[in-house]
Structure formats: C-alpha cells, structure tokens
C-alpha cells in the first residue's frame, strides 16, 4: 500500500489555526505520521508496539 492510498487524518493535538498540522494513518502493521504542511518530506512509520510504548510515555508527561 502506498502512502497516497492511506486514510490520513489530522491529529487531535494539531493546532486549530492550521499551523501545527500532524496527520496520522493507521494500518494493521504500522502507524504513519506526516507533516501536512510539507508533504514532500518523508513520513515516519512506527510499528504498533513501538507506537503503544510512545503513547504510554507521552500520557505520563
């Protein structure tokens, strides 16, 4: 599956003024993250287990 085929959605943590736009797409294998202001930059793909650990860490902060 190419990233163009992914169902991207704006993160709830993105700013409402259109300035901090992070988009996320979820598949069975990975979580994809990209900067919606500059889609020419590469996206980041993280495995589900790594994403869960990351979110657990963020939730503690």
N, C-alpha and C. Protein backbone atom coordinates (compact mmCIF):
# COMPACT_ATOMS: atom_id res chain seq x y z
N UNK A 1 0.85 -1.19 0.00
CA UNK A 1 0.00 0.00 0.00
C UNK A 1 0.89 1.24 0.00
N UNK A 2 0.65 2.14 -0.93
CA UNK A 2 1.42 3.39 -0.96
C UNK A 2 0.82 4.38 0.04
N UNK A 3 1.60 5.37 0.44
CA UNK A 3 1.09 6.34 1.40
C UNK A 3 -0.03 7.18 0.81
N UNK A 4 -0.12 7.27 -0.51
CA UNK A 4 -1.22 8.00 -1.13
C UNK A 4 -2.55 7.28 -0.91
N UNK A 5 -2.51 5.98 -0.71
CA UNK A 5 -3.73 5.19 -0.50
C UNK A 5 -4.17 5.14 0.96
N UNK A 6 -3.35 5.63 1.85
CA UNK A 6 -3.68 5.58 3.27
C UNK A 6 -4.77 6.58 3.62
N UNK A 7 -5.54 6.28 4.64
CA UNK A 7 -6.59 7.18 5.13
C UNK A 7 -5.99 8.08 6.21
N UNK A 8 -5.47 9.22 5.79
CA UNK A 8 -4.82 10.16 6.70
C UNK A 8 -5.87 10.98 7.44
N UNK A 9 -5.61 11.26 8.72
CA UNK A 9 -6.48 12.17 9.47
C UNK A 9 -5.63 13.08 10.33
N UNK A 10 -6.14 14.25 10.58
CA UNK A 10 -5.40 15.25 11.35
C UNK A 10 -5.40 14.88 12.82
N UNK A 11 -4.26 14.97 13.43
CA UNK A 11 -4.14 14.65 14.85
C UNK A 11 -4.96 15.62 15.69
N UNK A 12 -5.55 15.12 16.75
CA UNK A 12 -6.33 15.98 17.65
C UNK A 12 -5.42 16.94 18.40
N UNK A 13 -4.11 16.70 18.37
CA UNK A 13 -3.16 17.60 19.03
C UNK A 13 -2.67 18.70 18.11
N UNK A 14 -3.07 18.68 16.85
CA UNK A 14 -2.66 19.73 15.92
C UNK A 14 -3.37 21.04 16.27
N UNK A 15 -2.71 22.13 15.98
CA UNK A 15 -3.28 23.45 16.27
C UNK A 15 -4.52 23.72 15.44
N UNK A 16 -5.42 24.53 15.97
CA UNK A 16 -6.65 24.88 15.26
C UNK A 16 -6.44 26.01 14.27
N UNK A 17 -5.29 26.67 14.32
CA UNK A 17 -5.01 27.78 13.41
C UNK A 17 -4.37 27.31 12.11
N UNK A 18 -4.19 25.99 11.94
CA UNK A 18 -3.59 25.46 10.71
C UNK A 18 -2.08 25.51 10.72
N UNK A 19 -1.48 25.79 11.88
CA UNK A 19 -0.04 25.93 11.94
C UNK A 19 0.68 24.63 12.29
N UNK A 20 0.22 23.89 13.26
CA UNK A 20 0.86 22.65 13.69
C UNK A 20 0.06 21.47 13.18
N UNK A 21 0.27 21.11 11.93
CA UNK A 21 -0.57 20.08 11.32
C UNK A 21 0.17 18.76 11.20
N UNK A 22 -0.19 17.84 12.06
CA UNK A 22 0.34 16.49 12.02
C UNK A 22 -0.80 15.58 11.59
N UNK A 23 -0.53 14.73 10.59
CA UNK A 23 -1.54 13.79 10.14
C UNK A 23 -1.06 12.37 10.43
N UNK A 24 -2.01 11.49 10.71
CA UNK A 24 -1.71 10.12 11.09
C UNK A 24 -2.56 9.18 10.22
N UNK A 25 -1.98 8.06 9.86
CA UNK A 25 -2.71 6.99 9.16
C UNK A 25 -2.39 5.68 9.87
N UNK A 26 -3.39 4.86 10.05
CA UNK A 26 -3.24 3.61 10.80
C UNK A 26 -3.48 2.42 9.89
N UNK A 27 -2.57 1.45 9.93
CA UNK A 27 -2.76 0.19 9.23
C UNK A 27 -2.57 -0.94 10.25
N UNK A 28 -2.76 -2.17 9.82
CA UNK A 28 -2.55 -3.30 10.73
C UNK A 28 -1.09 -3.43 11.14
N UNK A 29 -0.18 -3.02 10.26
CA UNK A 29 1.24 -3.19 10.53
C UNK A 29 1.90 -2.00 11.20
N UNK A 30 1.43 -0.78 10.94
CA UNK A 30 2.16 0.40 11.41
C UNK A 30 1.26 1.61 11.54
N UNK A 31 1.81 2.60 12.22
CA UNK A 31 1.20 3.92 12.34
C UNK A 31 2.10 4.86 11.53
N UNK A 32 1.52 5.62 10.62
CA UNK A 32 2.27 6.55 9.78
C UNK A 32 1.99 7.98 10.25
N UNK A 33 3.02 8.81 10.28
CA UNK A 33 2.89 10.20 10.71
C UNK A 33 3.55 11.08 9.66
N UNK A 34 2.89 12.20 9.33
CA UNK A 34 3.48 13.13 8.36
C UNK A 34 3.12 14.57 8.74
N UNK A 35 3.88 15.49 8.19
CA UNK A 35 3.64 16.92 8.33
C UNK A 35 2.77 17.34 7.15
N UNK A 36 1.53 17.73 7.40
CA UNK A 36 0.63 18.04 6.30
C UNK A 36 0.96 19.36 5.62
N UNK A 37 1.81 20.18 6.23
CA UNK A 37 2.20 21.45 5.61
C UNK A 37 3.27 21.23 4.55
N UNK A 38 4.02 20.14 4.65
CA UNK A 38 5.09 19.86 3.70
C UNK A 38 5.10 18.37 3.37
N UNK A 39 4.22 17.96 2.48
CA UNK A 39 4.08 16.55 2.14
C UNK A 39 5.20 16.02 1.25
N UNK A 40 6.14 16.90 0.84
CA UNK A 40 7.28 16.43 0.07
C UNK A 40 8.30 15.76 0.99
N UNK A 41 8.21 16.03 2.28
CA UNK A 41 9.11 15.40 3.25
C UNK A 41 8.65 13.97 3.49
N UNK A 42 9.58 13.10 3.84
CA UNK A 42 9.20 11.71 4.10
C UNK A 42 8.31 11.60 5.34
N UNK A 43 7.47 10.59 5.36
CA UNK A 43 6.65 10.30 6.53
C UNK A 43 7.45 9.40 7.47
N UNK A 44 6.93 9.22 8.65
CA UNK A 44 7.53 8.31 9.64
C UNK A 44 6.58 7.14 9.82
N UNK A 45 7.11 5.94 9.82
CA UNK A 45 6.31 4.75 10.08
C UNK A 45 6.82 4.09 11.35
N UNK A 46 5.90 3.78 12.25
CA UNK A 46 6.25 3.16 13.52
C UNK A 46 5.39 1.91 13.70
N UNK A 47 6.01 0.84 14.13
CA UNK A 47 5.26 -0.38 14.41
C UNK A 47 4.25 -0.15 15.54
N UNK A 48 3.21 -0.95 15.56
CA UNK A 48 2.15 -0.78 16.56
C UNK A 48 2.67 -0.89 17.99
N UNK A 49 3.59 -1.81 18.25
CA UNK A 49 4.12 -1.96 19.61
C UNK A 49 4.93 -0.72 20.01
N UNK A 50 5.76 -0.23 19.10
CA UNK A 50 6.53 0.98 19.37
C UNK A 50 5.63 2.19 19.57
N UNK A 51 4.56 2.27 18.78
CA UNK A 51 3.61 3.38 18.92
C UNK A 51 2.92 3.32 20.28
N UNK A 52 2.54 2.13 20.71
CA UNK A 52 1.89 1.98 22.02
C UNK A 52 2.82 2.41 23.14
N UNK A 53 4.09 2.03 23.06
CA UNK A 53 5.05 2.47 24.08
C UNK A 53 5.23 3.97 24.07
N UNK A 54 5.31 4.55 22.87
CA UNK A 54 5.45 6.00 22.73
C UNK A 54 4.25 6.72 23.35
N UNK A 55 3.04 6.26 23.02
CA UNK A 55 1.84 6.91 23.56
C UNK A 55 1.76 6.75 25.08
N UNK A 56 2.21 5.62 25.62
CA UNK A 56 2.25 5.43 27.06
C UNK A 56 3.19 6.43 27.72
N UNK A 57 4.33 6.65 27.08
CA UNK A 57 5.30 7.62 27.59
C UNK A 57 4.72 9.03 27.55
N UNK A 58 4.10 9.39 26.45
CA UNK A 58 3.53 10.74 26.30
C UNK A 58 2.41 10.96 27.32
N UNK A 59 1.61 9.94 27.56
CA UNK A 59 0.49 10.06 28.50
C UNK A 59 0.98 10.33 29.93
N UNK A 60 2.19 9.88 30.25
CA UNK A 60 2.75 10.09 31.57
C UNK A 60 3.21 11.52 31.79
N UNK A 61 3.50 12.22 30.71
CA UNK A 61 4.03 13.59 30.81
C UNK A 61 2.97 14.58 31.19
